[in-house]
């Protein structure tokens, strides 16, 4: 399997009551309960929905030159002027009109994707599964057509 290409949100893993992981589609994720916020607080719910929408819009780009990019959509309501200022100040970098959340090296070991990260002791994290998904944290990504 070639990992080079663009990968889009497929599903996100959540813990179930019986301590298993269930994967939710974008639609189900947006509708799922928000037990860690006060769901009667409209502002908190709106902020959580913005964060979930950002997560759903996140992409991974795996390049043939050995680089892997986690790309996030520009937040809703952000003006072009604000984007330009953030880029000019070095606060953010863009790739294909999206914010580069992180960038690092990747490699294949025994048919499995591994990528560089600060989330593990040796600096590398397994990034693919037996179902053909690329994953980051609890999010699974499917290769874009």
N, C-alpha and C. Protein backbone atom coordinates (compact mmCIF):
# COMPACT_ATOMS: atom_id res chain seq x y z
N UNK A 1 0.84 -1.19 0.00
CA UNK A 1 0.00 0.00 0.00
C UNK A 1 0.88 1.24 0.00
N UNK A 2 0.55 2.19 -0.84
CA UNK A 2 1.26 3.46 -0.87
C UNK A 2 0.56 4.44 0.07
N UNK A 3 1.32 5.00 0.98
CA UNK A 3 0.76 5.97 1.91
C UNK A 3 0.81 7.39 1.36
N UNK A 4 1.59 7.61 0.31
CA UNK A 4 1.74 8.95 -0.25
C UNK A 4 0.40 9.43 -0.77
N UNK A 5 0.03 10.64 -0.38
CA UNK A 5 -1.22 11.24 -0.84
C UNK A 5 -1.91 12.00 0.28
N UNK A 6 -3.16 12.37 -0.01
CA UNK A 6 -3.94 13.13 0.96
C UNK A 6 -4.94 12.20 1.65
N UNK A 7 -5.09 12.41 2.93
CA UNK A 7 -5.94 11.59 3.77
C UNK A 7 -6.96 12.49 4.46
N UNK A 8 -8.22 12.07 4.46
CA UNK A 8 -9.30 12.87 5.02
C UNK A 8 -9.94 12.16 6.22
N UNK A 9 -10.62 12.93 7.03
CA UNK A 9 -11.28 12.40 8.22
C UNK A 9 -12.22 11.26 7.84
N UNK A 10 -12.11 10.17 8.55
CA UNK A 10 -13.02 9.04 8.39
C UNK A 10 -13.89 8.87 9.63
N UNK A 11 -13.24 8.84 10.80
CA UNK A 11 -13.97 8.61 12.05
C UNK A 11 -13.08 8.96 13.23
N UNK A 12 -13.72 9.09 14.37
CA UNK A 12 -12.99 9.40 15.60
C UNK A 12 -13.37 8.37 16.66
N UNK A 13 -12.37 7.91 17.38
CA UNK A 13 -12.60 6.91 18.42
C UNK A 13 -12.99 7.56 19.74
N UNK A 14 -14.03 7.01 20.34
CA UNK A 14 -14.44 7.47 21.66
C UNK A 14 -14.53 6.27 22.59
N UNK A 15 -14.32 6.50 23.86
CA UNK A 15 -14.43 5.42 24.85
C UNK A 15 -15.90 5.15 25.15
N UNK A 16 -16.25 3.89 25.19
CA UNK A 16 -17.62 3.51 25.53
C UNK A 16 -17.71 3.20 27.02
N UNK A 17 -18.92 3.01 27.50
CA UNK A 17 -19.12 2.71 28.92
C UNK A 17 -18.42 1.43 29.35
N UNK A 18 -18.29 0.48 28.42
CA UNK A 18 -17.63 -0.79 28.75
C UNK A 18 -16.14 -0.78 28.41
N UNK A 19 -15.57 0.44 28.32
CA UNK A 19 -14.14 0.66 28.12
C UNK A 19 -13.60 0.14 26.79
N UNK A 20 -14.44 0.11 25.79
CA UNK A 20 -14.01 -0.21 24.44
C UNK A 20 -13.90 1.09 23.66
N UNK A 21 -13.44 0.99 22.43
CA UNK A 21 -13.39 2.15 21.56
C UNK A 21 -14.43 1.97 20.46
N UNK A 22 -15.27 2.99 20.29
CA UNK A 22 -16.24 3.00 19.20
C UNK A 22 -15.86 4.14 18.28
N UNK A 23 -15.94 3.91 16.97
CA UNK A 23 -15.59 4.94 16.01
C UNK A 23 -16.86 5.60 15.48
N UNK A 24 -16.87 6.94 15.53
CA UNK A 24 -18.02 7.71 15.08
C UNK A 24 -17.69 8.41 13.77
N UNK A 25 -18.65 8.39 12.84
CA UNK A 25 -18.52 9.16 11.60
C UNK A 25 -18.61 10.64 11.94
N UNK A 26 -18.32 11.49 10.98
CA UNK A 26 -18.40 12.94 11.20
C UNK A 26 -19.79 13.33 11.69
N UNK A 27 -20.81 12.84 11.02
CA UNK A 27 -22.19 13.18 11.38
C UNK A 27 -22.51 12.73 12.80
N UNK A 28 -22.15 11.50 13.14
CA UNK A 28 -22.42 10.99 14.48
C UNK A 28 -21.60 11.73 15.54
N UNK A 29 -20.38 12.09 15.21
CA UNK A 29 -19.53 12.83 16.14
C UNK A 29 -20.14 14.18 16.48
N UNK A 30 -20.65 14.88 15.46
CA UNK A 30 -21.26 16.19 15.71
C UNK A 30 -22.50 16.07 16.59
N UNK A 31 -23.20 14.96 16.50
CA UNK A 31 -24.44 14.77 17.27
C UNK A 31 -24.21 14.09 18.62
N UNK A 32 -23.01 13.61 18.87
CA UNK A 32 -22.77 12.82 20.08
C UNK A 32 -22.80 13.71 21.33
N UNK A 33 -23.09 13.10 22.49
CA UNK A 33 -23.14 13.86 23.75
C UNK A 33 -21.81 14.54 24.06
N UNK A 34 -21.89 15.57 24.87
CA UNK A 34 -20.72 16.34 25.29
C UNK A 34 -20.65 16.30 26.82
N UNK A 35 -20.33 15.16 27.39
CA UNK A 35 -20.42 15.00 28.85
C UNK A 35 -19.43 15.85 29.64
N UNK A 36 -18.40 16.36 29.01
CA UNK A 36 -17.37 17.11 29.72
C UNK A 36 -17.61 18.61 29.68
N UNK A 37 -18.76 19.05 29.13
CA UNK A 37 -19.13 20.46 29.18
C UNK A 37 -20.57 20.56 29.66
N UNK A 38 -20.97 21.76 30.05
CA UNK A 38 -22.35 22.02 30.45
C UNK A 38 -23.17 22.22 29.18
N UNK A 39 -23.95 21.23 28.82
CA UNK A 39 -24.71 21.29 27.56
C UNK A 39 -25.85 22.30 27.60
N UNK A 40 -26.08 22.92 28.75
CA UNK A 40 -27.08 24.00 28.82
C UNK A 40 -26.43 25.35 28.53
N UNK A 41 -25.12 25.38 28.47
CA UNK A 41 -24.36 26.60 28.18
C UNK A 41 -24.18 26.70 26.66
N UNK A 42 -24.96 27.58 26.04
CA UNK A 42 -24.95 27.69 24.58
C UNK A 42 -23.57 28.03 24.03
N UNK A 43 -22.84 28.90 24.72
CA UNK A 43 -21.50 29.27 24.25
C UNK A 43 -20.54 28.08 24.31
N UNK A 44 -20.62 27.31 25.38
CA UNK A 44 -19.75 26.14 25.52
C UNK A 44 -20.08 25.10 24.44
N UNK A 45 -21.35 24.91 24.17
CA UNK A 45 -21.76 23.96 23.13
C UNK A 45 -21.29 24.44 21.77
N UNK A 46 -21.45 25.75 21.50
CA UNK A 46 -21.01 26.30 20.21
C UNK A 46 -19.50 26.14 20.04
N UNK A 47 -18.74 26.38 21.10
CA UNK A 47 -17.28 26.23 21.04
C UNK A 47 -16.90 24.77 20.79
N UNK A 48 -17.57 23.85 21.48
CA UNK A 48 -17.30 22.43 21.28
C UNK A 48 -17.61 22.01 19.85
N UNK A 49 -18.70 22.51 19.30
CA UNK A 49 -19.06 22.18 17.91
C UNK A 49 -18.03 22.75 16.94
N UNK A 50 -17.50 23.95 17.23
CA UNK A 50 -16.44 24.53 16.38
C UNK A 50 -15.21 23.63 16.43
N UNK A 51 -14.85 23.17 17.62
CA UNK A 51 -13.67 22.29 17.75
C UNK A 51 -13.89 20.97 17.02
N UNK A 52 -15.08 20.42 17.14
CA UNK A 52 -15.38 19.17 16.45
C UNK A 52 -15.37 19.36 14.94
N UNK A 53 -15.90 20.49 14.48
CA UNK A 53 -15.89 20.78 13.04
C UNK A 53 -14.46 20.91 12.53
N UNK A 54 -13.60 21.55 13.32
CA UNK A 54 -12.19 21.67 12.96
C UNK A 54 -11.56 20.28 12.87
N UNK A 55 -11.84 19.43 13.83
CA UNK A 55 -11.28 18.07 13.82
C UNK A 55 -11.73 17.32 12.57
N UNK A 56 -12.99 17.45 12.23
CA UNK A 56 -13.53 16.77 11.05
C UNK A 56 -12.88 17.29 9.77
N UNK A 57 -12.52 18.58 9.76
CA UNK A 57 -11.90 19.18 8.60
C UNK A 57 -10.40 18.96 8.50
N UNK A 58 -9.81 18.34 9.50
CA UNK A 58 -8.37 18.10 9.51
C UNK A 58 -7.99 17.09 8.43
N UNK A 59 -6.85 17.30 7.82
CA UNK A 59 -6.33 16.42 6.77
C UNK A 59 -4.90 16.01 7.12
N UNK A 60 -4.47 14.92 6.54
CA UNK A 60 -3.07 14.53 6.61
C UNK A 60 -2.56 14.45 5.18
N UNK A 61 -1.40 15.04 4.95
CA UNK A 61 -0.76 14.92 3.64
C UNK A 61 0.58 14.21 3.85
N UNK A 62 0.73 13.09 3.15
CA UNK A 62 1.96 12.31 3.22
C UNK A 62 2.67 12.48 1.88
N UNK A 63 3.86 13.04 1.93
CA UNK A 63 4.58 13.40 0.71
C UNK A 63 5.68 12.39 0.39
N UNK A 64 5.97 12.28 -0.88
CA UNK A 64 7.00 11.36 -1.36
C UNK A 64 8.40 11.72 -0.89
N UNK A 65 8.58 12.95 -0.42
CA UNK A 65 9.91 13.36 0.05
C UNK A 65 10.16 13.01 1.52
N UNK A 66 9.24 12.22 2.11
CA UNK A 66 9.44 11.80 3.49
C UNK A 66 8.82 12.70 4.54
N UNK A 67 8.05 13.71 4.12
CA UNK A 67 7.40 14.62 5.06
C UNK A 67 5.93 14.25 5.22
N UNK A 68 5.41 14.40 6.43
CA UNK A 68 4.01 14.20 6.75
C UNK A 68 3.51 15.48 7.40
N UNK A 69 2.38 15.99 6.91
CA UNK A 69 1.80 17.22 7.44
C UNK A 69 0.42 16.94 8.01
N UNK A 70 0.16 17.47 9.20
CA UNK A 70 -1.18 17.49 9.77
C UNK A 70 -1.71 18.88 9.44
N UNK A 71 -2.79 18.94 8.68
CA UNK A 71 -3.33 20.21 8.20
C UNK A 71 -4.71 20.46 8.79
N UNK A 72 -4.90 21.66 9.33
CA UNK A 72 -6.17 22.02 9.95
C UNK A 72 -6.83 23.15 9.18
N UNK A 73 -8.16 23.14 9.10
CA UNK A 73 -8.83 24.23 8.40
C UNK A 73 -8.65 25.55 9.15
N UNK A 74 -8.69 26.63 8.41
CA UNK A 74 -8.66 27.96 9.02
C UNK A 74 -9.97 28.13 9.76
N UNK A 75 -9.93 28.58 11.02
CA UNK A 75 -11.16 28.70 11.80
C UNK A 75 -12.22 29.57 11.12
N UNK A 76 -13.47 29.13 11.25
CA UNK A 76 -14.59 29.88 10.68
C UNK A 76 -14.58 31.30 11.22
N UNK A 77 -14.89 32.24 10.36
CA UNK A 77 -14.96 33.64 10.76
C UNK A 77 -13.64 34.37 10.70
N UNK A 78 -12.56 33.68 10.37
CA UNK A 78 -11.25 34.31 10.26
C UNK A 78 -11.17 35.03 8.92
N UNK A 79 -10.81 36.30 8.96
CA UNK A 79 -10.71 37.07 7.72
C UNK A 79 -9.38 36.78 7.02
N UNK A 80 -9.34 37.09 5.74
CA UNK A 80 -8.10 36.91 4.98
C UNK A 80 -7.00 37.79 5.56
N UNK A 81 -7.38 38.99 6.01
CA UNK A 81 -6.40 39.89 6.61
C UNK A 81 -5.79 39.26 7.87
N UNK A 82 -6.61 38.63 8.69
CA UNK A 82 -6.10 37.96 9.90
C UNK A 82 -5.17 36.81 9.54
N UNK A 83 -5.53 36.06 8.51
CA UNK A 83 -4.68 34.96 8.05
C UNK A 83 -3.35 35.50 7.57
N UNK A 84 -3.39 36.54 6.73
CA UNK A 84 -2.17 37.14 6.20
C UNK A 84 -1.26 37.65 7.32
N UNK A 85 -1.86 38.29 8.33
CA UNK A 85 -1.07 38.80 9.46
C UNK A 85 -0.43 37.66 10.25
N UNK A 86 -1.18 36.59 10.47
CA UNK A 86 -0.66 35.45 11.23
C UNK A 86 0.49 34.78 10.48
N UNK A 87 0.36 34.68 9.17
CA UNK A 87 1.42 34.09 8.35
C UNK A 87 2.65 35.00 8.36
N UNK A 88 2.43 36.31 8.16
CA UNK A 88 3.54 37.26 8.12
C UNK A 88 4.30 37.29 9.44
N UNK A 89 3.60 37.13 10.55
CA UNK A 89 4.25 37.17 11.87
C UNK A 89 4.94 35.85 12.22
N UNK A 90 4.69 34.82 11.42
CA UNK A 90 5.27 33.51 11.70
C UNK A 90 4.46 32.70 12.69
N UNK A 91 3.31 33.23 13.09
CA UNK A 91 2.44 32.53 14.05
C UNK A 91 1.92 31.21 13.48
N UNK A 92 1.61 31.21 12.17
CA UNK A 92 1.15 30.00 11.50
C UNK A 92 1.81 29.89 10.13
N UNK A 93 1.81 28.69 9.60
CA UNK A 93 2.24 28.44 8.23
C UNK A 93 1.09 27.74 7.53
N UNK A 94 0.96 27.99 6.24
CA UNK A 94 -0.12 27.40 5.46
C UNK A 94 0.42 26.42 4.43
N UNK A 95 -0.41 25.46 4.10
CA UNK A 95 -0.14 24.51 3.01
C UNK A 95 -1.49 24.20 2.39
N UNK A 96 -1.61 24.41 1.11
CA UNK A 96 -2.88 24.17 0.41
C UNK A 96 -4.05 24.86 1.10
N UNK A 97 -3.82 26.08 1.60
CA UNK A 97 -4.89 26.85 2.22
C UNK A 97 -5.30 26.37 3.60
N UNK A 98 -4.49 25.52 4.20
CA UNK A 98 -4.79 25.02 5.54
C UNK A 98 -3.61 25.30 6.47
N UNK A 99 -3.89 25.36 7.77
CA UNK A 99 -2.86 25.62 8.76
C UNK A 99 -2.06 24.34 9.01
N UNK A 100 -0.75 24.46 8.99
CA UNK A 100 0.09 23.30 9.31
C UNK A 100 0.12 23.16 10.83
N UNK A 101 -0.54 22.12 11.31
CA UNK A 101 -0.56 21.85 12.75
C UNK A 101 0.74 21.25 13.21
N UNK A 102 1.28 20.37 12.40
CA UNK A 102 2.59 19.79 12.67
C UNK A 102 3.13 19.19 11.39
N UNK A 103 4.42 19.03 11.36
CA UNK A 103 5.09 18.43 10.21
C UNK A 103 6.25 17.61 10.73
N UNK A 104 6.47 16.48 10.10
CA UNK A 104 7.58 15.64 10.53
C UNK A 104 7.87 14.58 9.50
N UNK A 105 8.81 13.73 9.83
CA UNK A 105 9.21 12.66 8.92
C UNK A 105 8.27 11.47 9.07
N UNK A 106 8.25 10.63 8.04
CA UNK A 106 7.51 9.37 8.09
C UNK A 106 8.32 8.30 7.39
N UNK A 107 8.01 7.07 7.72
CA UNK A 107 8.65 5.94 7.05
C UNK A 107 7.73 4.73 7.16
N UNK A 108 8.03 3.72 6.35
CA UNK A 108 7.28 2.47 6.39
C UNK A 108 8.17 1.39 6.99
N UNK A 109 7.64 0.68 7.97
CA UNK A 109 8.34 -0.46 8.59
C UNK A 109 7.44 -1.68 8.47
N UNK A 110 7.87 -2.66 7.74
CA UNK A 110 7.09 -3.90 7.56
C UNK A 110 5.67 -3.61 7.10
N UNK A 111 5.53 -2.66 6.17
CA UNK A 111 4.22 -2.34 5.61
C UNK A 111 3.37 -1.43 6.47
N UNK A 112 3.90 -0.97 7.59
CA UNK A 112 3.15 -0.12 8.52
C UNK A 112 3.75 1.29 8.51
N UNK A 113 2.87 2.30 8.47
CA UNK A 113 3.31 3.69 8.53
C UNK A 113 3.72 4.05 9.95
N UNK A 114 4.87 4.70 10.06
CA UNK A 114 5.33 5.28 11.31
C UNK A 114 5.65 6.74 11.04
N UNK A 115 5.34 7.62 12.00
CA UNK A 115 5.68 9.03 11.81
C UNK A 115 6.33 9.58 13.07
N UNK A 116 7.14 10.60 12.81
CA UNK A 116 7.89 11.26 13.87
C UNK A 116 6.94 12.10 14.72
N UNK A 117 7.10 11.98 16.02
CA UNK A 117 6.24 12.74 16.92
C UNK A 117 6.92 12.87 18.28
N UNK A 118 6.44 13.78 19.07
CA UNK A 118 6.98 13.90 20.43
C UNK A 118 6.08 13.17 21.44
N UNK A 119 5.23 12.30 20.93
CA UNK A 119 4.28 11.59 21.78
C UNK A 119 4.80 10.25 22.30
N UNK A 120 6.00 9.88 21.91
CA UNK A 120 6.53 8.59 22.36
C UNK A 120 7.98 8.75 22.81
N UNK A 121 8.45 7.76 23.52
CA UNK A 121 9.79 7.81 24.07
C UNK A 121 10.87 7.85 22.98
N UNK A 122 10.68 7.07 21.92
CA UNK A 122 11.69 7.03 20.86
C UNK A 122 11.44 8.05 19.75
N UNK A 123 10.36 8.84 19.87
CA UNK A 123 10.10 9.88 18.89
C UNK A 123 9.30 9.43 17.68
N UNK A 124 8.85 8.16 17.65
CA UNK A 124 8.09 7.64 16.52
C UNK A 124 6.79 7.01 17.01
N UNK A 125 5.74 7.15 16.22
CA UNK A 125 4.44 6.58 16.55
C UNK A 125 3.91 5.80 15.37
N UNK A 126 3.34 4.65 15.65
CA UNK A 126 2.68 3.86 14.60
C UNK A 126 1.51 4.68 14.08
N UNK A 127 1.35 4.72 12.75
CA UNK A 127 0.34 5.59 12.17
C UNK A 127 -0.62 4.93 11.21
N UNK A 128 -0.63 3.61 11.12
CA UNK A 128 -1.60 2.95 10.24
C UNK A 128 -2.07 1.67 10.91
N UNK A 129 -3.22 1.18 10.44
CA UNK A 129 -3.76 -0.05 11.01
C UNK A 129 -4.03 -1.08 9.92
N UNK A 130 -4.48 -2.24 10.34
CA UNK A 130 -4.72 -3.35 9.41
C UNK A 130 -5.92 -3.11 8.49
N UNK A 131 -6.72 -2.07 8.77
CA UNK A 131 -7.88 -1.77 7.93
C UNK A 131 -7.58 -0.74 6.85
N UNK A 132 -6.32 -0.31 6.76
CA UNK A 132 -5.93 0.65 5.72
C UNK A 132 -6.11 2.10 6.11
N UNK A 133 -6.40 2.37 7.38
CA UNK A 133 -6.54 3.74 7.84
C UNK A 133 -5.21 4.27 8.33
N UNK A 134 -5.02 5.57 8.16
CA UNK A 134 -3.93 6.29 8.81
C UNK A 134 -4.58 6.94 10.02
N UNK A 135 -3.89 6.95 11.14
CA UNK A 135 -4.51 7.56 12.31
C UNK A 135 -3.55 8.50 13.01
N UNK A 136 -4.14 9.46 13.68
CA UNK A 136 -3.43 10.41 14.52
C UNK A 136 -4.25 10.55 15.79
N UNK A 137 -3.65 10.22 16.91
CA UNK A 137 -4.35 10.18 18.19
C UNK A 137 -5.52 9.19 18.06
N UNK A 138 -6.75 9.67 18.19
CA UNK A 138 -7.91 8.78 18.10
C UNK A 138 -8.67 8.94 16.79
N UNK A 139 -8.12 9.71 15.87
CA UNK A 139 -8.81 9.98 14.60
C UNK A 139 -8.27 9.07 13.50
N UNK A 140 -9.18 8.45 12.76
CA UNK A 140 -8.80 7.63 11.61
C UNK A 140 -9.04 8.44 10.34
N UNK A 141 -8.10 8.33 9.42
CA UNK A 141 -8.17 9.03 8.14
C UNK A 141 -8.17 8.01 7.01
N UNK A 142 -8.97 8.28 5.99
CA UNK A 142 -9.04 7.42 4.80
C UNK A 142 -8.37 8.16 3.65
N UNK A 143 -7.75 7.42 2.76
CA UNK A 143 -7.06 8.04 1.63
C UNK A 143 -8.09 8.67 0.71
N UNK A 144 -7.85 9.92 0.33
CA UNK A 144 -8.74 10.63 -0.59
C UNK A 144 -8.58 10.06 -1.99
N UNK A 145 -9.64 10.05 -2.73
CA UNK A 145 -9.60 9.52 -4.10
C UNK A 145 -8.85 10.47 -5.00
